[in-house]
Amino acid sequence: MKTTMAAVSLMLTTGAAFAVAGDECQKQRAEYPKNWKDTRQETALFTCRSHYSGAFVVKLGATDGAGRVLMSLSPVSEDGQSPNVSSAKVFRIWLDKEQADRLKQGKYFATVVRKEASCWIRGDLNKDTVFFMDNVDPAPDSPDAGSFYNKAPRFSVFQGDSYACEPVK
């Protein structure tokens, strides 16, 4: 009986420790720009293009008081023009200094990115996606092989599609 009471007591105690405030999602969203889709003031670093899924621009924006930098993935048309701000599907995440430096180098970088409606509670990424960029340009395995067809392919990935990312000039 003591063992059962102790187990129930432990479950009740630990259950309360994992309680999430009712306004947790609003607090998380408040850390990001009020107009989620407006990235016009951010600096474009890379344009990433997919054979099947179009193109987007990787941008860095504001730095917060803790030294974090806002990264955005913003869709663009093939000619590099940004779509209407109100219709853009933008993904964002805050990067620490080390992450921002790795991103600027463009060689090997990965992070999860948020949709505007994302709410991360206890590790639930709510079907958010990972952005992975690898811009190392190894020699092809054969003269006519693109990087995707090398024995050890190097390319970038976002939402299940492969991308080639080029620095913005």
C-alpha atoms as a PDB file:
ATOM      1  CA  MET A   1       0.000   0.000   0.000  1.00  0.00           C
ATOM      2  CA  LYS A   2       2.847   2.398   0.857  1.00  0.00           C
ATOM      3  CA  THR A   3       4.458   1.678  -2.509  1.00  0.00           C
ATOM      4  CA  THR A   4       1.211   2.417  -4.361  1.00  0.00           C
ATOM      5  CA  MET A   5       0.662   5.651  -2.407  1.00  0.00           C
ATOM      6  CA  ALA A   6       4.251   6.718  -3.107  1.00  0.00           C
ATOM      7  CA  ALA A   7       3.843   6.003  -6.838  1.00  0.00           C
ATOM      8  CA  VAL A   8       0.566   7.956  -7.024  1.00  0.00           C
ATOM      9  CA  SER A   9       2.120  10.822  -5.073  1.00  0.00           C
ATOM     10  CA  LEU A  10       5.135  10.843  -7.423  1.00  0.00           C
ATOM     11  CA  MET A  11       2.904  10.857 -10.526  1.00  0.00           C
ATOM     12  CA  LEU A  12       0.831  13.745  -9.202  1.00  0.00           C
ATOM     13  CA  THR A  13       3.899  15.727  -8.218  1.00  0.00           C
ATOM     14  CA  THR A  14       5.750  15.228 -11.500  1.00  0.00           C
ATOM     15  CA  GLY A  15       2.576  15.818 -13.509  1.00  0.00           C
ATOM     16  CA  ALA A  16       2.293  19.292 -12.026  1.00  0.00           C
ATOM     17  CA  ALA A  17       5.940  19.999 -12.819  1.00  0.00           C
ATOM     18  CA  PHE A  18       5.212  19.477 -16.526  1.00  0.00           C
ATOM     19  CA  ALA A  19       2.168  21.746 -16.601  1.00  0.00           C
ATOM     20  CA  VAL A  20       2.307  24.324 -19.371  1.00  0.00           C
ATOM     21  CA  ALA A  21       1.016  27.836 -18.903  1.00  0.00           C
ATOM     22  CA  GLY A  22      -2.110  28.575 -20.903  1.00  0.00           C
ATOM     23  CA  ASP A  23      -0.383  31.449 -22.669  1.00  0.00           C
ATOM     24  CA  GLU A  24       2.810  29.529 -23.586  1.00  0.00           C
ATOM     25  CA  CYS A  25       2.162  29.685 -27.338  1.00  0.00           C
ATOM     26  CA  GLN A  26       1.496  33.427 -27.188  1.00  0.00           C
ATOM     27  CA  LYS A  27       4.733  33.973 -25.239  1.00  0.00           C
ATOM     28  CA  GLN A  28       6.721  32.030 -27.845  1.00  0.00           C
ATOM     29  CA  ARG A  29       5.109  33.936 -30.738  1.00  0.00           C
ATOM     30  CA  ALA A  30       5.823  37.289 -29.010  1.00  0.00           C
ATOM     31  CA  GLU A  31       9.575  36.640 -29.382  1.00  0.00           C
ATOM     32  CA  TYR A  32       9.202  37.017 -33.163  1.00  0.00           C
ATOM     33  CA  PRO A  33       8.298  40.020 -35.333  1.00  0.00           C
ATOM     34  CA  LYS A  34       4.679  41.162 -35.157  1.00  0.00           C
ATOM     35  CA  ASN A  35       4.398  40.937 -38.964  1.00  0.00           C
ATOM     36  CA  TRP A  36       5.732  37.394 -39.383  1.00  0.00           C
ATOM     37  CA  LYS A  37       5.845  37.516 -43.179  1.00  0.00           C
ATOM     38  CA  ASP A  38       7.720  40.796 -43.620  1.00  0.00           C
ATOM     39  CA  THR A  39      11.419  40.058 -44.180  1.00  0.00           C
ATOM     40  CA  ARG A  40      12.184  43.134 -46.321  1.00  0.00           C
ATOM     41  CA  GLN A  41      14.580  44.626 -43.750  1.00  0.00           C
ATOM     42  CA  GLU A  42      16.598  41.409 -43.425  1.00  0.00           C
ATOM     43  CA  THR A  43      19.854  40.640 -45.219  1.00  0.00           C
ATOM     44  CA  ALA A  44      19.768  37.895 -47.844  1.00  0.00           C
ATOM     45  CA  LEU A  45      22.633  35.388 -47.547  1.00  0.00           C
ATOM     46  CA  PHE A  46      21.669  32.494 -49.853  1.00  0.00           C
ATOM     47  CA  THR A  47      19.161  31.719 -52.553  1.00  0.00           C
ATOM     48  CA  CYS A  48      18.155  28.060 -52.523  1.00  0.00           C
ATOM     49  CA  ARG A  49      16.507  26.458 -55.551  1.00  0.00           C
ATOM     50  CA  SER A  50      14.837  23.093 -55.960  1.00  0.00           C
ATOM     51  CA  HIS A  51      14.025  21.362 -59.214  1.00  0.00           C
ATOM     52  CA  TYR A  52      10.585  20.485 -57.840  1.00  0.00           C
ATOM     53  CA  SER A  53       9.731  23.010 -55.147  1.00  0.00           C
ATOM     54  CA  GLY A  54      10.762  26.462 -56.308  1.00  0.00           C
ATOM     55  CA  ALA A  55      13.107  28.779 -54.480  1.00  0.00           C
ATOM     56  CA  PHE A  56      13.568  30.591 -51.181  1.00  0.00           C
ATOM     57  CA  VAL A  57      16.035  33.059 -49.698  1.00  0.00           C
ATOM     58  CA  VAL A  58      17.874  32.504 -46.420  1.00  0.00           C
ATOM     59  CA  LYS A  59      18.015  35.815 -44.551  1.00  0.00           C
ATOM     60  CA  LEU A  60      19.382  37.156 -41.299  1.00  0.00           C
ATOM     61  CA  GLY A  61      17.509  39.882 -39.476  1.00  0.00           C
ATOM     62  CA  ALA A  62      17.506  41.607 -36.143  1.00  0.00           C
ATOM     63  CA  THR A  63      19.720  40.702 -33.206  1.00  0.00           C
ATOM     64  CA  ASP A  64      18.001  40.565 -29.824  1.00  0.00           C
ATOM     65  CA  GLY A  65      19.366  41.673 -26.456  1.00  0.00           C
ATOM     66  CA  ALA A  66      20.838  38.224 -25.798  1.00  0.00           C
ATOM     67  CA  GLY A  67      22.857  38.282 -29.053  1.00  0.00           C
ATOM     68  CA  ARG A  68      20.579  35.902 -30.949  1.00  0.00           C
ATOM     69  CA  VAL A  69      20.007  36.586 -34.654  1.00  0.00           C
ATOM     70  CA  LEU A  70      16.713  36.014 -36.431  1.00  0.00           C
ATOM     71  CA  MET A  71      16.942  33.702 -39.473  1.00  0.00           C
ATOM     72  CA  SER A  72      14.169  33.565 -42.064  1.00  0.00           C
ATOM     73  CA  LEU A  73      13.434  31.335 -45.024  1.00  0.00           C
ATOM     74  CA  SER A  74      11.361  33.412 -47.459  1.00  0.00           C
ATOM     75  CA  PRO A  75       9.932  32.168 -50.758  1.00  0.00           C
ATOM     76  CA  VAL A  76      11.003  33.854 -53.994  1.00  0.00           C
ATOM     77  CA  SER A  77      10.139  33.366 -57.624  1.00  0.00           C
ATOM     78  CA  GLU A  78      12.722  31.896 -59.991  1.00  0.00           C
ATOM     79  CA  ASP A  79      13.727  35.423 -61.056  1.00  0.00           C
ATOM     80  CA  GLY A  80      14.592  36.180 -57.424  1.00  0.00           C
ATOM     81  CA  GLN A  81      11.633  38.462 -56.744  1.00  0.00           C
ATOM     82  CA  SER A  82       9.874  38.234 -53.406  1.00  0.00           C
ATOM     83  CA  PRO A  83       6.177  37.412 -53.515  1.00  0.00           C
ATOM     84  CA  ASN A  84       3.529  39.611 -51.978  1.00  0.00           C
ATOM     85  CA  VAL A  85       4.385  39.904 -48.273  1.00  0.00           C
ATOM     86  CA  SER A  86       0.843  39.015 -47.226  1.00  0.00           C
ATOM     87  CA  SER A  87       0.896  35.678 -49.098  1.00  0.00           C
ATOM     88  CA  ALA A  88       4.459  34.563 -48.310  1.00  0.00           C
ATOM     89  CA  LYS A  89       4.953  31.333 -46.337  1.00  0.00           C
ATOM     90  CA  VAL A  90       7.886  32.317 -44.128  1.00  0.00           C
ATOM     91  CA  PHE A  91       9.766  30.082 -41.697  1.00  0.00           C
ATOM     92  CA  ARG A  92      11.836  31.583 -38.857  1.00  0.00           C
ATOM     93  CA  ILE A  93      14.109  30.687 -35.956  1.00  0.00           C
ATOM     94  CA  TRP A  94      16.465  32.489 -33.594  1.00  0.00           C
ATOM     95  CA  LEU A  95      20.127  31.491 -33.958  1.00  0.00           C
ATOM     96  CA  ASP A  96      22.853  31.907 -31.370  1.00  0.00           C
ATOM     97  CA  LYS A  97      26.157  33.470 -32.421  1.00  0.00           C
ATOM     98  CA  GLU A  98      27.800  30.123 -33.244  1.00  0.00           C
ATOM     99  CA  GLN A  99      24.859  29.030 -35.384  1.00  0.00           C
ATOM    100  CA  ALA A 100      24.791  32.381 -37.217  1.00  0.00           C
ATOM    101  CA  ASP A 101      28.521  32.103 -37.927  1.00  0.00           C
ATOM    102  CA  ARG A 102      28.086  28.561 -39.302  1.00  0.00           C
ATOM    103  CA  LEU A 103      25.209  29.711 -41.478  1.00  0.00           C
ATOM    104  CA  LYS A 104      27.245  32.600 -42.898  1.00  0.00           C
ATOM    105  CA  GLN A 105      30.017  30.125 -43.821  1.00  0.00           C
ATOM    106  CA  GLY A 106      27.392  28.084 -45.650  1.00  0.00           C
ATOM    107  CA  LYS A 107      29.299  24.839 -45.465  1.00  0.00           C
ATOM    108  CA  TYR A 108      27.282  22.690 -43.055  1.00  0.00           C
ATOM    109  CA  PHE A 109      24.327  23.951 -41.084  1.00  0.00           C
ATOM    110  CA  ALA A 110      21.092  22.476 -39.734  1.00  0.00           C
ATOM    111  CA  THR A 111      18.247  23.684 -37.535  1.00  0.00           C
ATOM    112  CA  VAL A 112      14.529  23.255 -37.076  1.00  0.00           C
ATOM    113  CA  VAL A 113      12.461  26.210 -38.324  1.00  0.00           C
ATOM    114  CA  ARG A 114       9.090  27.492 -37.152  1.00  0.00           C
ATOM    115  CA  LYS A 115       5.876  28.295 -38.951  1.00  0.00           C
ATOM    116  CA  GLU A 116       4.008  31.303 -37.617  1.00  0.00           C
ATOM    117  CA  ALA A 117       1.519  29.103 -35.769  1.00  0.00           C
ATOM    118  CA  SER A 118       4.185  26.852 -34.218  1.00  0.00           C
ATOM    119  CA  CYS A 119       3.964  26.169 -30.516  1.00  0.00           C
ATOM    120  CA  TRP A 120       6.671  23.974 -29.071  1.00  0.00           C
ATOM    121  CA  ILE A 121       5.686  22.258 -25.874  1.00  0.00           C
ATOM    122  CA  ARG A 122       7.706  19.382 -24.395  1.00  0.00           C
ATOM    123  CA  GLY A 123       9.570  18.661 -27.607  1.00  0.00           C
ATOM    124  CA  ASP A 124       6.501  18.574 -29.873  1.00  0.00           C
ATOM    125  CA  LEU A 125       7.626  20.404 -33.003  1.00  0.00           C
ATOM    126  CA  ASN A 126       4.048  20.429 -34.371  1.00  0.00           C
ATOM    127  CA  LYS A 127       5.113  19.128 -37.761  1.00  0.00           C
ATOM    128  CA  ASP A 128       7.733  21.830 -38.131  1.00  0.00           C
ATOM    129  CA  THR A 129      10.604  21.056 -40.425  1.00  0.00           C
ATOM    130  CA  VAL A 130      14.392  20.973 -40.443  1.00  0.00           C
ATOM    131  CA  PHE A 131      16.454  23.156 -42.737  1.00  0.00           C
ATOM    132  CA  PHE A 132      19.791  21.577 -43.639  1.00  0.00           C
ATOM    133  CA  MET A 133      22.376  23.332 -45.799  1.00  0.00           C
ATOM    134  CA  ASP A 134      25.615  21.839 -47.069  1.00  0.00           C
ATOM    135  CA  ASN A 135      27.323  24.030 -49.654  1.00  0.00           C
ATOM    136  CA  VAL A 136      30.644  22.248 -49.802  1.00  0.00           C
ATOM    137  CA  ASP A 137      31.357  21.751 -53.481  1.00  0.00           C
ATOM    138  CA  PRO A 138      33.285  18.473 -53.842  1.00  0.00           C
ATOM    139  CA  ALA A 139      34.727  17.296 -57.118  1.00  0.00           C
ATOM    140  CA  PRO A 140      32.231  15.123 -59.023  1.00  0.00           C
ATOM    141  CA  ASP A 141      32.697  11.356 -59.063  1.00  0.00           C
ATOM    142  CA  SER A 142      32.615  11.472 -62.840  1.00  0.00           C
ATOM    143  CA  PRO A 143      32.865  14.356 -65.320  1.00  0.00           C
ATOM    144  CA  ASP A 144      29.111  14.457 -65.976  1.00  0.00           C
ATOM    145  CA  ALA A 145      27.829  13.786 -62.425  1.00  0.00           C
ATOM    146  CA  GLY A 146      26.162  16.611 -60.537  1.00  0.00           C
ATOM    147  CA  SER A 147      26.566  16.735 -56.762  1.00  0.00           C
ATOM    148  CA  PHE A 148      23.229  14.928 -56.270  1.00  0.00           C
ATOM    149  CA  TYR A 149      24.553  11.899 -58.162  1.00  0.00           C
ATOM    150  CA  ASN A 150      27.929  11.594 -56.435  1.00  0.00           C
ATOM    151  CA  LYS A 151      28.537   8.529 -54.282  1.00  0.00           C
ATOM    152  CA  ALA A 152      28.548  10.891 -51.294  1.00  0.00           C
ATOM    153  CA  PRO A 153      26.088  13.604 -52.395  1.00  0.00           C
ATOM    154  CA  ARG A 154      26.196  17.060 -50.827  1.00  0.00           C
ATOM    155  CA  PHE A 155      23.130  19.235 -51.109  1.00  0.00           C
ATOM    156  CA  SER A 156      20.693  21.179 -48.955  1.00  0.00           C
ATOM    157  CA  VAL A 157      17.329  19.876 -47.759  1.00  0.00           C
ATOM    158  CA  PHE A 158      14.111  21.578 -46.737  1.00  0.00           C
ATOM    159  CA  GLN A 159      10.628  20.061 -46.356  1.00  0.00           C
ATOM    160  CA  GLY A 160      11.732  16.792 -47.931  1.00  0.00           C
ATOM    161  CA  ASP A 161      13.161  18.301 -51.125  1.00  0.00           C
ATOM    162  CA  SER A 162      16.775  18.794 -52.175  1.00  0.00           C
ATOM    163  CA  TYR A 163      18.008  22.315 -52.895  1.00  0.00           C
ATOM    164  CA  ALA A 164      21.132  23.943 -54.271  1.00  0.00           C
ATOM    165  CA  CYS A 165      21.965  27.083 -52.280  1.00  0.00           C
ATOM    166  CA  GLU A 166      24.092  29.870 -53.754  1.00  0.00           C
ATOM    167  CA  PRO A 167      25.442  32.902 -51.910  1.00  0.00           C
ATOM    168  CA  VAL A 168      23.603  36.118 -52.727  1.00  0.00           C
ATOM    169  CA  LYS A 169      25.884  38.513 -54.551  1.00  0.00           C
END
